[in-house]
Amino acid sequence: MSNSVQIQVADSHLYPGYAVHIAHLPEPARAAAAVVEFADGSGANATCHLRAHDELELTIDGYATQTRHPVNARHWLLLAVDATHNNSWRVKRRLP
């Protein structure tokens, strides 16, 4: 998955208000494969879609943390932290 979007999270879970680092954005209007790397060393496959210039949809497959805590698949809405959209995003809310 060398062409996948790399997403780094400084925790073992995502939750509203949390900041994430995205190395490069997917092309607008196209879903892209992503790999989410969590701070505890766990990771998950995901799909992301740039909905607007400052909104990103992120669907993370189910995964297990390093302590083997199972985390179900989740769908999130992320917003750009600032006008530059330069790698920093914040989790706005969980989507259905």
N, C-alpha and C. Protein backbone atom coordinates (compact mmCIF):
# COMPACT_ATOMS: atom_id res chain seq x y z
N MET A 1 0.83 -1.20 0.00
CA MET A 1 0.00 0.00 0.00
C MET A 1 0.87 1.25 0.00
N SER A 2 1.85 1.30 -0.81
CA SER A 2 2.74 2.45 -0.81
C SER A 2 2.05 3.73 -1.27
N ASN A 3 0.99 3.62 -2.05
CA ASN A 3 0.27 4.80 -2.52
C ASN A 3 -0.85 5.19 -1.58
N SER A 4 -0.98 4.54 -0.45
CA SER A 4 -2.06 4.85 0.47
C SER A 4 -1.74 6.10 1.29
N VAL A 5 -2.79 6.74 1.74
CA VAL A 5 -2.67 7.93 2.58
C VAL A 5 -2.22 7.47 3.97
N GLN A 6 -1.21 8.12 4.53
CA GLN A 6 -0.69 7.77 5.85
C GLN A 6 -1.28 8.72 6.89
N ILE A 7 -1.91 8.16 7.91
CA ILE A 7 -2.54 8.95 8.96
C ILE A 7 -1.94 8.54 10.30
N GLN A 8 -1.46 9.51 11.05
CA GLN A 8 -0.84 9.23 12.35
C GLN A 8 -1.71 9.79 13.47
N VAL A 9 -1.91 8.96 14.48
CA VAL A 9 -2.73 9.33 15.64
C VAL A 9 -1.88 9.15 16.89
N ALA A 10 -1.85 10.14 17.76
CA ALA A 10 -1.02 10.09 18.97
C ALA A 10 -1.75 9.45 20.15
N ASP A 11 -2.59 8.47 19.87
CA ASP A 11 -3.32 7.72 20.88
C ASP A 11 -3.65 6.36 20.26
N SER A 12 -4.37 5.52 20.99
CA SER A 12 -4.74 4.22 20.44
C SER A 12 -6.16 4.20 19.89
N HIS A 13 -6.86 5.34 19.98
CA HIS A 13 -8.23 5.47 19.49
C HIS A 13 -8.43 6.88 18.92
N LEU A 14 -9.47 7.03 18.13
CA LEU A 14 -9.91 8.37 17.72
C LEU A 14 -11.15 8.73 18.52
N TYR A 15 -11.35 10.00 18.74
CA TYR A 15 -12.55 10.50 19.41
C TYR A 15 -12.73 11.96 19.04
N PRO A 16 -13.95 12.50 19.18
CA PRO A 16 -14.19 13.90 18.79
C PRO A 16 -13.25 14.86 19.49
N GLY A 17 -12.74 15.80 18.71
CA GLY A 17 -11.83 16.82 19.23
C GLY A 17 -10.37 16.46 19.08
N TYR A 18 -10.07 15.21 18.75
CA TYR A 18 -8.69 14.76 18.69
C TYR A 18 -8.03 15.19 17.39
N ALA A 19 -6.77 15.58 17.46
CA ALA A 19 -6.01 16.01 16.27
C ALA A 19 -5.29 14.81 15.67
N VAL A 20 -5.21 14.79 14.33
CA VAL A 20 -4.48 13.74 13.62
C VAL A 20 -3.58 14.40 12.58
N HIS A 21 -2.56 13.68 12.18
CA HIS A 21 -1.61 14.15 11.17
C HIS A 21 -1.80 13.30 9.91
N ILE A 22 -2.00 13.97 8.78
CA ILE A 22 -2.18 13.27 7.51
C ILE A 22 -1.07 13.73 6.57
N ALA A 23 -0.24 12.80 6.15
CA ALA A 23 0.95 13.13 5.35
C ALA A 23 0.58 13.79 4.02
N HIS A 24 -0.37 13.26 3.30
CA HIS A 24 -0.83 13.88 2.06
C HIS A 24 -2.29 13.53 1.89
N LEU A 25 -3.01 14.42 1.26
CA LEU A 25 -4.46 14.24 1.09
C LEU A 25 -4.78 13.43 -0.14
N PRO A 26 -5.93 12.75 -0.11
CA PRO A 26 -6.37 12.08 -1.33
C PRO A 26 -6.84 13.13 -2.34
N GLU A 27 -6.97 12.72 -3.58
CA GLU A 27 -7.49 13.64 -4.58
C GLU A 27 -8.95 13.93 -4.27
N PRO A 28 -9.41 15.16 -4.51
CA PRO A 28 -10.80 15.49 -4.26
C PRO A 28 -11.75 14.58 -5.02
N ALA A 29 -12.88 14.27 -4.41
CA ALA A 29 -13.97 13.49 -5.00
C ALA A 29 -13.61 12.03 -5.27
N ARG A 30 -12.49 11.54 -4.72
CA ARG A 30 -12.11 10.14 -4.90
C ARG A 30 -11.81 9.53 -3.55
N ALA A 31 -12.30 8.33 -3.34
CA ALA A 31 -11.94 7.61 -2.12
C ALA A 31 -10.52 7.08 -2.29
N ALA A 32 -9.78 7.07 -1.20
CA ALA A 32 -8.40 6.59 -1.25
C ALA A 32 -8.15 5.62 -0.11
N ALA A 33 -7.33 4.63 -0.37
CA ALA A 33 -6.90 3.71 0.69
C ALA A 33 -6.03 4.48 1.66
N ALA A 34 -6.12 4.12 2.93
CA ALA A 34 -5.33 4.78 3.96
C ALA A 34 -4.85 3.75 4.97
N VAL A 35 -3.78 4.09 5.65
CA VAL A 35 -3.27 3.30 6.76
C VAL A 35 -3.20 4.22 7.96
N VAL A 36 -3.87 3.82 9.04
CA VAL A 36 -3.86 4.62 10.27
C VAL A 36 -2.87 3.98 11.23
N GLU A 37 -1.90 4.78 11.69
CA GLU A 37 -0.89 4.31 12.63
C GLU A 37 -1.16 4.97 13.99
N PHE A 38 -1.44 4.13 14.98
CA PHE A 38 -1.74 4.62 16.31
C PHE A 38 -0.47 4.63 17.16
N ALA A 39 -0.45 5.48 18.18
CA ALA A 39 0.74 5.68 19.00
C ALA A 39 1.18 4.43 19.75
N ASP A 40 0.26 3.54 20.03
CA ASP A 40 0.63 2.34 20.78
C ASP A 40 1.25 1.26 19.89
N GLY A 41 1.41 1.55 18.60
CA GLY A 41 2.01 0.59 17.68
C GLY A 41 0.99 -0.19 16.89
N SER A 42 -0.28 -0.06 17.22
CA SER A 42 -1.31 -0.75 16.44
C SER A 42 -1.60 0.05 15.17
N GLY A 43 -2.30 -0.56 14.26
CA GLY A 43 -2.64 0.11 13.02
C GLY A 43 -3.90 -0.48 12.43
N ALA A 44 -4.46 0.23 11.46
CA ALA A 44 -5.68 -0.24 10.82
C ALA A 44 -5.72 0.26 9.38
N ASN A 45 -6.34 -0.54 8.54
CA ASN A 45 -6.62 -0.08 7.18
C ASN A 45 -7.83 0.83 7.24
N ALA A 46 -7.89 1.74 6.29
CA ALA A 46 -8.98 2.71 6.28
C ALA A 46 -9.22 3.19 4.85
N THR A 47 -10.28 3.94 4.69
CA THR A 47 -10.59 4.62 3.44
C THR A 47 -10.89 6.06 3.79
N CYS A 48 -10.36 7.00 3.00
CA CYS A 48 -10.67 8.40 3.25
C CYS A 48 -11.15 9.05 1.97
N HIS A 49 -11.94 10.08 2.16
CA HIS A 49 -12.57 10.78 1.04
C HIS A 49 -12.64 12.26 1.39
N LEU A 50 -12.04 13.09 0.58
CA LEU A 50 -12.07 14.54 0.77
C LEU A 50 -13.41 15.06 0.28
N ARG A 51 -14.31 15.40 1.21
CA ARG A 51 -15.66 15.85 0.84
C ARG A 51 -15.67 17.29 0.37
N ALA A 52 -14.91 18.12 1.00
CA ALA A 52 -14.79 19.54 0.66
C ALA A 52 -13.35 19.90 0.96
N HIS A 53 -12.95 21.12 0.63
CA HIS A 53 -11.55 21.49 0.85
C HIS A 53 -11.14 21.42 2.32
N ASP A 54 -12.12 21.46 3.23
CA ASP A 54 -11.78 21.41 4.65
C ASP A 54 -12.48 20.29 5.42
N GLU A 55 -13.07 19.31 4.70
CA GLU A 55 -13.74 18.18 5.33
C GLU A 55 -13.23 16.87 4.75
N LEU A 56 -12.96 15.93 5.62
CA LEU A 56 -12.46 14.62 5.20
C LEU A 56 -13.26 13.55 5.92
N GLU A 57 -13.79 12.58 5.16
CA GLU A 57 -14.46 11.43 5.74
C GLU A 57 -13.44 10.33 5.89
N LEU A 58 -13.43 9.68 7.04
CA LEU A 58 -12.48 8.61 7.31
C LEU A 58 -13.23 7.40 7.87
N THR A 59 -13.11 6.28 7.18
CA THR A 59 -13.70 5.03 7.64
C THR A 59 -12.55 4.09 8.01
N ILE A 60 -12.48 3.74 9.29
CA ILE A 60 -11.41 2.88 9.79
C ILE A 60 -11.96 1.48 10.02
N ASP A 61 -11.28 0.48 9.47
CA ASP A 61 -11.66 -0.91 9.70
C ASP A 61 -11.45 -1.26 11.17
N GLY A 62 -12.10 -2.31 11.62
CA GLY A 62 -11.90 -2.78 12.98
C GLY A 62 -10.44 -3.18 13.19
N TYR A 63 -9.95 -3.02 14.40
CA TYR A 63 -8.56 -3.36 14.72
C TYR A 63 -8.46 -3.68 16.20
N ALA A 64 -7.30 -4.11 16.63
CA ALA A 64 -7.04 -4.37 18.05
C ALA A 64 -5.87 -3.51 18.49
N THR A 65 -5.99 -2.90 19.66
CA THR A 65 -4.88 -2.11 20.21
C THR A 65 -3.75 -3.06 20.62
N GLN A 66 -2.61 -2.52 21.00
CA GLN A 66 -1.50 -3.35 21.44
C GLN A 66 -1.85 -4.18 22.67
N THR A 67 -2.78 -3.69 23.49
CA THR A 67 -3.22 -4.46 24.66
C THR A 67 -4.35 -5.42 24.31
N ARG A 68 -4.56 -5.61 23.01
CA ARG A 68 -5.56 -6.54 22.46
C ARG A 68 -6.99 -6.12 22.72
N HIS A 69 -7.22 -4.85 22.96
CA HIS A 69 -8.58 -4.33 23.10
C HIS A 69 -9.17 -4.18 21.71
N PRO A 70 -10.28 -4.88 21.42
CA PRO A 70 -10.86 -4.77 20.08
C PRO A 70 -11.58 -3.43 19.89
N VAL A 71 -11.40 -2.84 18.73
CA VAL A 71 -12.07 -1.59 18.38
C VAL A 71 -12.85 -1.85 17.09
N ASN A 72 -14.15 -1.63 17.13
CA ASN A 72 -15.00 -1.85 15.96
C ASN A 72 -14.71 -0.83 14.87
N ALA A 73 -15.10 -1.17 13.65
CA ALA A 73 -14.97 -0.23 12.53
C ALA A 73 -15.75 1.04 12.86
N ARG A 74 -15.21 2.18 12.47
CA ARG A 74 -15.85 3.46 12.75
C ARG A 74 -15.74 4.38 11.54
N HIS A 75 -16.68 5.31 11.45
CA HIS A 75 -16.75 6.28 10.36
C HIS A 75 -16.71 7.68 10.99
N TRP A 76 -15.75 8.51 10.57
CA TRP A 76 -15.52 9.81 11.20
C TRP A 76 -15.55 10.95 10.19
N LEU A 77 -15.87 12.14 10.68
CA LEU A 77 -15.74 13.38 9.91
C LEU A 77 -14.61 14.18 10.54
N LEU A 78 -13.62 14.57 9.72
CA LEU A 78 -12.50 15.38 10.18
C LEU A 78 -12.55 16.73 9.51
N LEU A 79 -12.13 17.77 10.23
CA LEU A 79 -12.06 19.13 9.69
C LEU A 79 -10.63 19.62 9.72
N ALA A 80 -10.28 20.42 8.72
CA ALA A 80 -8.94 21.02 8.68
C ALA A 80 -8.77 21.93 9.89
N VAL A 81 -7.58 21.91 10.49
CA VAL A 81 -7.32 22.72 11.68
C VAL A 81 -7.18 24.20 11.31
N ASP A 82 -6.56 24.48 10.16
CA ASP A 82 -6.41 25.87 9.76
C ASP A 82 -6.61 26.00 8.25
N ALA A 83 -6.56 27.19 7.76
CA ALA A 83 -6.85 27.47 6.35
C ALA A 83 -5.83 26.86 5.39
N THR A 84 -4.64 26.52 5.87
CA THR A 84 -3.63 25.96 4.97
C THR A 84 -3.87 24.49 4.67
N HIS A 85 -4.66 23.79 5.49
CA HIS A 85 -4.96 22.36 5.33
C HIS A 85 -3.65 21.58 5.24
N ASN A 86 -2.70 21.97 6.04
CA ASN A 86 -1.34 21.47 5.95
C ASN A 86 -1.08 20.34 6.95
N ASN A 87 -1.61 19.18 6.70
CA ASN A 87 -1.35 17.97 7.48
C ASN A 87 -2.11 17.86 8.80
N SER A 88 -2.65 18.93 9.35
CA SER A 88 -3.30 18.87 10.65
C SER A 88 -4.82 18.91 10.50
N TRP A 89 -5.44 17.90 11.06
CA TRP A 89 -6.90 17.76 11.01
C TRP A 89 -7.40 17.45 12.40
N ARG A 90 -8.67 17.72 12.65
CA ARG A 90 -9.28 17.45 13.95
C ARG A 90 -10.56 16.64 13.73
N VAL A 91 -10.78 15.64 14.58
CA VAL A 91 -11.99 14.82 14.49
C VAL A 91 -13.17 15.67 14.92
N LYS A 92 -14.12 15.86 14.03
CA LYS A 92 -15.31 16.65 14.34
C LYS A 92 -16.36 15.79 15.05
N ARG A 93 -16.71 14.64 14.42
CA ARG A 93 -17.72 13.77 15.01
C ARG A 93 -17.72 12.41 14.32
N ARG A 94 -18.39 11.50 14.97
CA ARG A 94 -18.56 10.17 14.41
C ARG A 94 -19.76 10.20 13.47
N LEU A 95 -19.64 9.55 12.34
CA LEU A 95 -20.72 9.49 11.36
C LEU A 95 -21.41 8.12 11.47
N PRO A 96 -22.68 8.08 11.07
CA PRO A 96 -23.41 6.78 11.12
C PRO A 96 -22.86 5.79 10.11
